[in-house]
Amino acid sequence: MRHAFVSVCLAAAIPIPLVFAQSYKTVTAKELERNANKLLNQHVELRGAFCGRDQNETYECAIGDTLIIRAKSMTAGPDKDFIDKECGILDTTEQTSFCKFNLRFVPTDFTLEDDETEIKRGGKVVIVPIKVAVFTVDTVTPLKGR
């Protein structure tokens, strides 16, 4: 009985933090587009997005022609510093390889916007209308793994 009492006392003397790391659901661009409403207000990780900052200090990250993540701010750190100095909105459009990041964010809004893209048909470039899935987030966190 004495041994059990000592064990309980020692366990009680050691502080155990109750802070848990937030888990993120890793999704592909297609999964994000297909499950847009289900993923609103969820912690999401997306791999391989091309990011840049526009003249209005808004961050935009894209995968392909049909998915955009728009953020009011970006988590501070070396990846943000790199994006601020080296990656503009043109890098997002052109999908410049050195501006490619994995992202963590919580989408708060989703809309479909009309846009257009160029495709080659029979040796000619044709402009076709497309729908772009746009997710609005408060803050996006870029992660290494470009």
Protein backbone atom coordinates (compact mmCIF):
# COMPACT_ATOMS: atom_id res chain seq x y z
CA MET A 1 0.00 0.00 0.00
CA ARG A 2 2.83 2.36 0.83
CA HIS A 3 4.40 1.90 -2.60
CA ALA A 4 1.16 2.87 -4.37
CA PHE A 5 0.91 6.06 -2.29
CA VAL A 6 4.43 7.12 -3.26
CA SER A 7 3.74 6.50 -6.95
CA VAL A 8 0.61 8.64 -6.84
CA CYS A 9 2.45 11.43 -5.10
CA LEU A 10 5.28 11.42 -7.64
CA ALA A 11 2.86 11.42 -10.55
CA ALA A 12 0.97 14.34 -9.07
CA ALA A 13 4.19 16.32 -8.63
CA ILE A 14 5.12 16.16 -12.33
CA PRO A 15 3.20 18.76 -14.36
CA ILE A 16 1.67 17.36 -17.53
CA PRO A 17 0.79 19.93 -20.17
CA LEU A 18 -2.67 19.53 -21.61
CA VAL A 19 -1.96 21.42 -24.82
CA PHE A 20 -2.41 19.22 -27.86
CA ALA A 21 -0.99 19.96 -31.29
CA GLN A 22 -3.72 20.71 -33.83
CA SER A 23 -3.96 17.99 -36.45
CA TYR A 24 -4.43 18.91 -40.09
CA LYS A 25 -6.23 16.85 -42.71
CA THR A 26 -3.95 16.45 -45.72
CA VAL A 27 -5.94 16.83 -48.93
CA THR A 28 -5.21 17.03 -52.63
CA ALA A 29 -6.40 19.94 -54.72
CA LYS A 30 -9.15 17.77 -56.22
CA GLU A 31 -10.33 16.63 -52.76
CA LEU A 32 -10.44 20.24 -51.61
CA GLU A 33 -12.48 21.26 -54.64
CA ARG A 34 -14.88 18.29 -54.39
CA ASN A 35 -15.44 18.64 -50.63
CA ALA A 36 -15.35 22.42 -50.36
CA ASN A 37 -18.31 22.86 -48.04
CA LYS A 38 -17.33 19.92 -45.81
CA LEU A 39 -13.84 21.35 -45.34
CA LEU A 40 -14.91 24.88 -44.39
CA ASN A 41 -13.64 25.76 -40.90
CA GLN A 42 -11.51 22.59 -40.83
CA HIS A 43 -7.71 22.46 -40.44
CA VAL A 44 -6.39 21.57 -43.90
CA GLU A 45 -2.93 20.83 -45.29
CA LEU A 46 -2.43 21.14 -49.05
CA ARG A 47 0.77 20.13 -50.81
CA GLY A 48 2.44 21.75 -53.78
CA ALA A 49 0.80 25.17 -54.04
CA PHE A 50 2.46 28.07 -55.82
CA CYS A 51 2.36 31.23 -53.70
CA GLY A 52 2.89 34.94 -54.17
CA ARG A 53 1.97 38.29 -52.67
CA ASP A 54 0.10 40.91 -54.67
CA GLN A 55 0.36 44.70 -54.56
CA ASN A 56 -2.49 44.83 -51.99
CA GLU A 57 -0.47 42.72 -49.52
CA THR A 58 -2.82 39.77 -50.05
CA TYR A 59 -1.34 36.30 -50.41
CA GLU A 60 -2.53 34.02 -53.16
CA CYS A 61 -1.58 30.38 -53.61
CA ALA A 62 -2.71 28.28 -56.56
CA ILE A 63 -2.60 24.76 -57.91
CA GLY A 64 -3.28 24.53 -61.62
CA ASP A 65 -5.83 26.85 -63.17
CA THR A 66 -8.80 25.88 -61.02
CA LEU A 67 -7.83 26.29 -57.34
CA ILE A 68 -6.82 29.44 -55.45
CA ILE A 69 -6.23 30.03 -51.73
CA ARG A 70 -6.51 33.74 -50.80
CA ALA A 71 -5.19 34.84 -47.43
CA LYS A 72 -5.24 38.16 -45.63
CA SER A 73 -2.02 37.25 -43.83
CA MET A 74 0.74 34.67 -43.68
CA THR A 75 2.39 33.17 -40.61
CA ALA A 76 5.75 34.84 -39.93
CA GLY A 77 8.91 32.87 -40.60
CA PRO A 78 11.61 32.24 -43.20
CA ASP A 79 9.16 30.90 -45.80
CA LYS A 80 6.99 34.05 -45.51
CA ASP A 81 10.13 36.19 -45.81
CA PHE A 82 11.11 34.27 -48.95
CA ILE A 83 7.64 34.71 -50.48
CA ASP A 84 7.61 38.42 -49.60
CA LYS A 85 10.97 38.99 -51.30
CA GLU A 86 10.94 36.52 -54.19
CA CYS A 87 7.38 35.50 -55.13
CA GLY A 88 4.84 37.83 -56.72
CA ILE A 89 1.42 37.15 -58.12
CA LEU A 90 2.99 36.39 -61.53
CA ASP A 91 4.89 33.49 -59.90
CA THR A 92 1.54 32.12 -58.76
CA THR A 93 0.13 32.33 -62.29
CA GLU A 94 3.25 30.94 -63.96
CA GLN A 95 3.71 28.41 -61.12
CA THR A 96 7.38 29.17 -60.66
CA SER A 97 9.08 26.15 -59.04
CA PHE A 98 10.94 28.10 -56.33
CA CYS A 99 7.61 29.56 -55.11
CA LYS A 100 6.07 26.12 -54.47
CA PHE A 101 5.03 25.36 -50.87
CA ASN A 102 2.94 23.03 -48.76
CA LEU A 103 0.26 24.99 -46.89
CA ARG A 104 -1.74 24.80 -43.69
CA PHE A 105 -4.91 26.84 -43.34
CA VAL A 106 -8.53 26.92 -42.22
CA PRO A 107 -10.84 27.86 -45.11
CA THR A 108 -13.57 30.24 -43.98
CA ASP A 109 -15.30 30.87 -47.31
CA PHE A 110 -15.60 29.22 -50.70
CA THR A 111 -16.73 30.66 -54.02
CA LEU A 112 -16.59 29.72 -57.68
CA GLU A 113 -15.29 32.47 -59.95
CA ASP A 114 -15.43 32.71 -63.72
CA ASP A 115 -12.07 32.87 -65.47
CA GLU A 116 -10.46 31.67 -68.66
CA THR A 117 -7.43 29.66 -69.65
CA GLU A 118 -5.51 28.90 -72.80
CA ILE A 119 -5.34 25.40 -74.24
CA LYS A 120 -3.78 24.09 -77.44
CA ARG A 121 -6.09 22.47 -79.97
CA GLY A 122 -4.79 21.33 -83.33
CA GLY A 123 -1.73 23.53 -83.07
CA LYS A 124 -3.79 26.61 -82.18
CA VAL A 125 -4.14 28.29 -78.82
CA VAL A 126 -7.78 28.56 -77.80
CA ILE A 127 -9.14 30.53 -74.85
CA VAL A 128 -11.80 28.61 -72.93
CA PRO A 129 -13.95 29.63 -69.96
CA ILE A 130 -13.32 27.83 -66.64
CA LYS A 131 -14.60 27.92 -63.06
CA VAL A 132 -12.01 28.58 -60.35
CA ALA A 133 -12.55 27.34 -56.80
CA VAL A 134 -11.46 30.17 -54.48
CA PHE A 135 -10.99 29.53 -50.77
CA THR A 136 -10.67 32.53 -48.47
CA VAL A 137 -8.62 32.11 -45.29
CA ASP A 138 -7.54 34.50 -42.56
CA THR A 139 -3.98 33.17 -42.29
CA VAL A 140 -2.03 30.68 -44.36
CA THR A 141 1.11 28.93 -43.10
CA PRO A 142 3.69 27.95 -45.74
CA LEU A 143 5.75 24.88 -44.93
CA LYS A 144 9.07 23.74 -46.26
CA GLY A 145 8.90 20.93 -48.74
CA ARG A 146 8.77 23.02 -51.85
